[in-house]
Structures are given as C-alpha cells and as structure tokens.
C-alpha atoms as a PDB file:
ATOM      1  CA  UNK A   1      16.713 -50.543  90.744  1.00  0.00           C
ATOM      2  CA  UNK A   2      18.863 -53.442  91.828  1.00  0.00           C
ATOM      3  CA  UNK A   3      22.511 -54.411  91.714  1.00  0.00           C
ATOM      4  CA  UNK A   4      22.347 -54.891  87.929  1.00  0.00           C
ATOM      5  CA  UNK A   5      21.615 -51.174  87.560  1.00  0.00           C
ATOM      6  CA  UNK A   6      24.630 -50.286  89.701  1.00  0.00           C
ATOM      7  CA  UNK A   7      26.913 -52.602  87.720  1.00  0.00           C
ATOM      8  CA  UNK A   8      25.710 -51.184  84.420  1.00  0.00           C
ATOM      9  CA  UNK A   9      26.023 -47.569  85.564  1.00  0.00           C
ATOM     10  CA  UNK A  10      29.528 -47.913  87.043  1.00  0.00           C
ATOM     11  CA  UNK A  11      30.950 -49.761  84.017  1.00  0.00           C
ATOM     12  CA  UNK A  12      32.284 -47.852  81.005  1.00  0.00           C
ATOM     13  CA  UNK A  13      33.259 -49.888  77.970  1.00  0.00           C
ATOM     14  CA  UNK A  14      35.728 -48.599  75.392  1.00  0.00           C
ATOM     15  CA  UNK A  15      34.707 -48.979  71.734  1.00  0.00           C
ATOM     16  CA  UNK A  16      38.015 -50.761  71.148  1.00  0.00           C
ATOM     17  CA  UNK A  17      40.777 -52.126  73.414  1.00  0.00           C
ATOM     18  CA  UNK A  18      43.620 -49.785  74.366  1.00  0.00           C
ATOM     19  CA  UNK A  19      47.205 -50.481  75.367  1.00  0.00           C
ATOM     20  CA  UNK A  20      48.699 -49.090  78.573  1.00  0.00           C
ATOM     21  CA  UNK A  21      49.993 -45.818  77.072  1.00  0.00           C
ATOM     22  CA  UNK A  22      46.715 -45.081  75.269  1.00  0.00           C
ATOM     23  CA  UNK A  23      44.730 -45.926  78.408  1.00  0.00           C
ATOM     24  CA  UNK A  24      46.822 -43.487  80.443  1.00  0.00           C
ATOM     25  CA  UNK A  25      46.358 -40.805  77.783  1.00  0.00           C
ATOM     26  CA  UNK A  26      42.584 -41.351  77.813  1.00  0.00           C
ATOM     27  CA  UNK A  27      42.438 -41.109  81.620  1.00  0.00           C
ATOM     28  CA  UNK A  28      44.409 -37.843  81.534  1.00  0.00           C
ATOM     29  CA  UNK A  29      42.324 -36.398  78.684  1.00  0.00           C
ATOM     30  CA  UNK A  30      39.117 -37.172  80.596  1.00  0.00           C
ATOM     31  CA  UNK A  31      40.472 -35.539  83.769  1.00  0.00           C
ATOM     32  CA  UNK A  32      41.529 -32.412  81.879  1.00  0.00           C
ATOM     33  CA  UNK A  33      38.227 -32.109  80.017  1.00  0.00           C
ATOM     34  CA  UNK A  34      36.232 -32.401  83.251  1.00  0.00           C
ATOM     35  CA  UNK A  35      38.678 -30.459  85.463  1.00  0.00           C
ATOM     36  CA  UNK A  36      38.898 -33.490  87.752  1.00  0.00           C
ATOM     37  CA  UNK A  37      41.908 -34.485  89.781  1.00  0.00           C
ATOM     38  CA  UNK A  38      43.254 -37.852  88.601  1.00  0.00           C
ATOM     39  CA  UNK A  39      45.461 -40.191  90.595  1.00  0.00           C
ATOM     40  CA  UNK A  40      46.454 -43.439  88.959  1.00  0.00           C
ATOM     41  CA  UNK A  41      48.826 -46.343  89.256  1.00  0.00           C
ATOM     42  CA  UNK A  42      50.176 -48.602  86.527  1.00  0.00           C
ATOM     43  CA  UNK A  43      51.782 -51.903  87.392  1.00  0.00           C
ATOM     44  CA  UNK A  44      53.331 -53.757  84.458  1.00  0.00           C
ATOM     45  CA  UNK A  45      55.501 -56.828  84.228  1.00  0.00           C
ATOM     46  CA  UNK A  46      58.646 -56.313  82.120  1.00  0.00           C
ATOM     47  CA  UNK A  47      61.220 -58.857  81.043  1.00  0.00           C
ATOM     48  CA  UNK A  48      64.670 -58.221  79.626  1.00  0.00           C
ATOM     49  CA  UNK A  49      65.657 -60.791  77.049  1.00  0.00           C
ATOM     50  CA  UNK A  50      67.497 -61.303  73.799  1.00  0.00           C
ATOM     51  CA  UNK A  51      70.765 -59.647  74.732  1.00  0.00           C
ATOM     52  CA  UNK A  52      72.157 -58.321  71.483  1.00  0.00           C
ATOM     53  CA  UNK A  53      75.392 -57.051  72.979  1.00  0.00           C
ATOM     54  CA  UNK A  54      76.556 -55.280  76.119  1.00  0.00           C
ATOM     55  CA  UNK A  55      74.517 -52.102  75.541  1.00  0.00           C
ATOM     56  CA  UNK A  56      71.620 -53.488  73.492  1.00  0.00           C
ATOM     57  CA  UNK A  57      68.781 -55.696  74.642  1.00  0.00           C
ATOM     58  CA  UNK A  58      65.048 -56.068  74.202  1.00  0.00           C
ATOM     59  CA  UNK A  59      62.394 -55.429  76.820  1.00  0.00           C
ATOM     60  CA  UNK A  60      59.236 -57.504  76.607  1.00  0.00           C
ATOM     61  CA  UNK A  61      56.145 -55.930  78.143  1.00  0.00           C
ATOM     62  CA  UNK A  62      53.863 -58.308  79.997  1.00  0.00           C
ATOM     63  CA  UNK A  63      50.601 -58.061  81.862  1.00  0.00           C
ATOM     64  CA  UNK A  64      49.560 -54.749  83.380  1.00  0.00           C
ATOM     65  CA  UNK A  65      46.982 -53.303  85.713  1.00  0.00           C
ATOM     66  CA  UNK A  66      45.721 -49.727  85.864  1.00  0.00           C
ATOM     67  CA  UNK A  67      43.759 -48.302  88.771  1.00  0.00           C
ATOM     68  CA  UNK A  68      43.130 -44.896  90.232  1.00  0.00           C
ATOM     69  CA  UNK A  69      40.577 -42.300  91.215  1.00  0.00           C
ATOM     70  CA  UNK A  70      38.868 -39.223  89.864  1.00  0.00           C
ATOM     71  CA  UNK A  71      38.086 -36.422  92.296  1.00  0.00           C
ATOM     72  CA  UNK A  72      36.006 -33.290  92.165  1.00  0.00           C
ATOM     73  CA  UNK A  73      37.804 -30.988  94.561  1.00  0.00           C
ATOM     74  CA  UNK A  74      35.955 -30.737  97.838  1.00  0.00           C
ATOM     75  CA  UNK A  75      33.000 -32.864  96.715  1.00  0.00           C
ATOM     76  CA  UNK A  76      33.683 -36.504  95.868  1.00  0.00           C
ATOM     77  CA  UNK A  77      36.348 -39.033  94.942  1.00  0.00           C
ATOM     78  CA  UNK A  78      35.586 -42.211  93.024  1.00  0.00           C
ATOM     79  CA  UNK A  79      38.038 -45.112  92.654  1.00  0.00           C
ATOM     80  CA  UNK A  80      38.250 -47.234  89.519  1.00  0.00           C
ATOM     81  CA  UNK A  81      40.051 -50.120  87.824  1.00  0.00           C
ATOM     82  CA  UNK A  82      40.610 -50.526  84.132  1.00  0.00           C
ATOM     83  CA  UNK A  83      39.314 -53.846  82.873  1.00  0.00           C
ATOM     84  CA  UNK A  84      42.078 -55.852  81.159  1.00  0.00           C
ATOM     85  CA  UNK A  85      41.891 -58.666  78.631  1.00  0.00           C
ATOM     86  CA  UNK A  86      43.090 -62.179  79.550  1.00  0.00           C
ATOM     87  CA  UNK A  87      46.709 -61.366  78.715  1.00  0.00           C
ATOM     88  CA  UNK A  88      46.505 -58.153  80.739  1.00  0.00           C
ATOM     89  CA  UNK A  89      47.985 -56.059  77.952  1.00  0.00           C
ATOM     90  CA  UNK A  90      44.887 -54.338  76.523  1.00  0.00           C
ATOM     91  CA  UNK A  91      42.132 -52.519  78.381  1.00  0.00           C
ATOM     92  CA  UNK A  92      38.460 -52.649  77.442  1.00  0.00           C
ATOM     93  CA  UNK A  93      36.973 -50.184  79.901  1.00  0.00           C
ATOM     94  CA  UNK A  94      36.737 -48.575  83.317  1.00  0.00           C
ATOM     95  CA  UNK A  95      34.886 -50.012  86.283  1.00  0.00           C
ATOM     96  CA  UNK A  96      34.210 -47.807  89.294  1.00  0.00           C
ATOM     97  CA  UNK A  97      34.297 -49.472  92.704  1.00  0.00           C
ATOM     98  CA  UNK A  98      31.025 -50.572  94.221  1.00  0.00           C
ATOM     99  CA  UNK A  99      29.765 -51.255  97.691  1.00  0.00           C
ATOM    100  CA  UNK A 100      28.401 -54.829  97.767  1.00  0.00           C
ATOM    101  CA  UNK A 101      24.655 -54.939  98.200  1.00  0.00           C
ATOM    102  CA  UNK A 102      24.031 -51.225  97.657  1.00  0.00           C
ATOM    103  CA  UNK A 103      21.311 -50.077  95.300  1.00  0.00           C
ATOM    104  CA  UNK A 104      21.931 -47.113  93.010  1.00  0.00           C
ATOM    105  CA  UNK A 105      19.845 -44.877  95.276  1.00  0.00           C
ATOM    106  CA  UNK A 106      22.256 -45.548  98.176  1.00  0.00           C
ATOM    107  CA  UNK A 107      25.236 -43.970  96.393  1.00  0.00           C
ATOM    108  CA  UNK A 108      25.854 -40.266  96.844  1.00  0.00           C
ATOM    109  CA  UNK A 109      24.606 -38.275  93.859  1.00  0.00           C
ATOM    110  CA  UNK A 110      28.089 -36.741  93.532  1.00  0.00           C
ATOM    111  CA  UNK A 111      29.590 -40.216  93.035  1.00  0.00           C
ATOM    112  CA  UNK A 112      27.089 -41.222  90.373  1.00  0.00           C
ATOM    113  CA  UNK A 113      27.645 -37.842  88.674  1.00  0.00           C
ATOM    114  CA  UNK A 114      31.367 -38.678  88.344  1.00  0.00           C
ATOM    115  CA  UNK A 115      30.531 -42.051  86.751  1.00  0.00           C
ATOM    116  CA  UNK A 116      28.183 -40.382  84.277  1.00  0.00           C
ATOM    117  CA  UNK A 117      30.537 -37.515  83.421  1.00  0.00           C
ATOM    118  CA  UNK A 118      33.467 -39.872  82.851  1.00  0.00           C
ATOM    119  CA  UNK A 119      31.286 -42.124  80.661  1.00  0.00           C
ATOM    120  CA  UNK A 120      30.178 -39.158  78.559  1.00  0.00           C
ATOM    121  CA  UNK A 121      33.737 -37.883  78.167  1.00  0.00           C
ATOM    122  CA  UNK A 122      35.083 -41.353  77.250  1.00  0.00           C
ATOM    123  CA  UNK A 123      32.396 -41.586  74.571  1.00  0.00           C
ATOM    124  CA  UNK A 124      33.430 -38.181  73.200  1.00  0.00           C
ATOM    125  CA  UNK A 125      37.106 -39.228  73.188  1.00  0.00           C
ATOM    126  CA  UNK A 126      36.615 -41.981  70.628  1.00  0.00           C
ATOM    127  CA  UNK A 127      35.997 -40.815  67.059  1.00  0.00           C
ATOM    128  CA  UNK A 128      32.932 -42.227  65.345  1.00  0.00           C
ATOM    129  CA  UNK A 129      33.894 -45.143  63.130  1.00  0.00           C
END
C-alpha cells in the first residue's frame, strides 16, 4: 500500500458541491452522529457594494475556506480541509491531513478509523438520488 492508498483513504468526496452554510451543517451533523468533538474555522471574503441608501446595502460573498478537526475524546484528533472549487464558494469534499511519505500502515489505527467513520457518515447524510 503506497501513497495512493493514503490519498484515496483520507479523501471524502461529496455527491454534489455544497455552499459554506451547508458544508458547516454537514460537518456538525457528522460530529453529532459520531459523538465526535468538532472544531472548525471558516474564512470568507465579503464585499459591501451597491449602496441602496443609508441603511440598505448588499453584501457579496466571495471565496471561502473551511478547515478543522474531528476528535474522539482521549483517543485521536484528525485535522481536515474542505476542498473548494476554483471560485472558492462551493465545497466538493473533505481531505484529512497527511504526513508526506507515510504509508497507510504508518498511521495510527485510531486516525484511520476517524477517516472511515466520517466517510461513512457523509455518505449517509446525502439522500440517494
């Protein structure tokens, strides 16, 4: 099992792209279903434009990034990034961090178990189309 196996195992693709709010909801739903602790950070560019009058204006949402970690209390914590499209406004999946050059067998079983459990729960979260 080489690096390709690690990349495939740590990557979770969504059946369809999600916006920031739906991505956050999915991350929370997964954490609740698995009783994991979730820490996450969203960074999003916002622009105020088109002033309509003194108290009315529009806010344009720009590119975003979402990253965080899932933790099993007292056992393991695994960091991840959500994979964004080119505009940075839709997310296509979750990618857990890897250690360059490590084979799958070099990761702690608890870490790989988090990847697998999150993948399974993400799959369950999307209705069959």
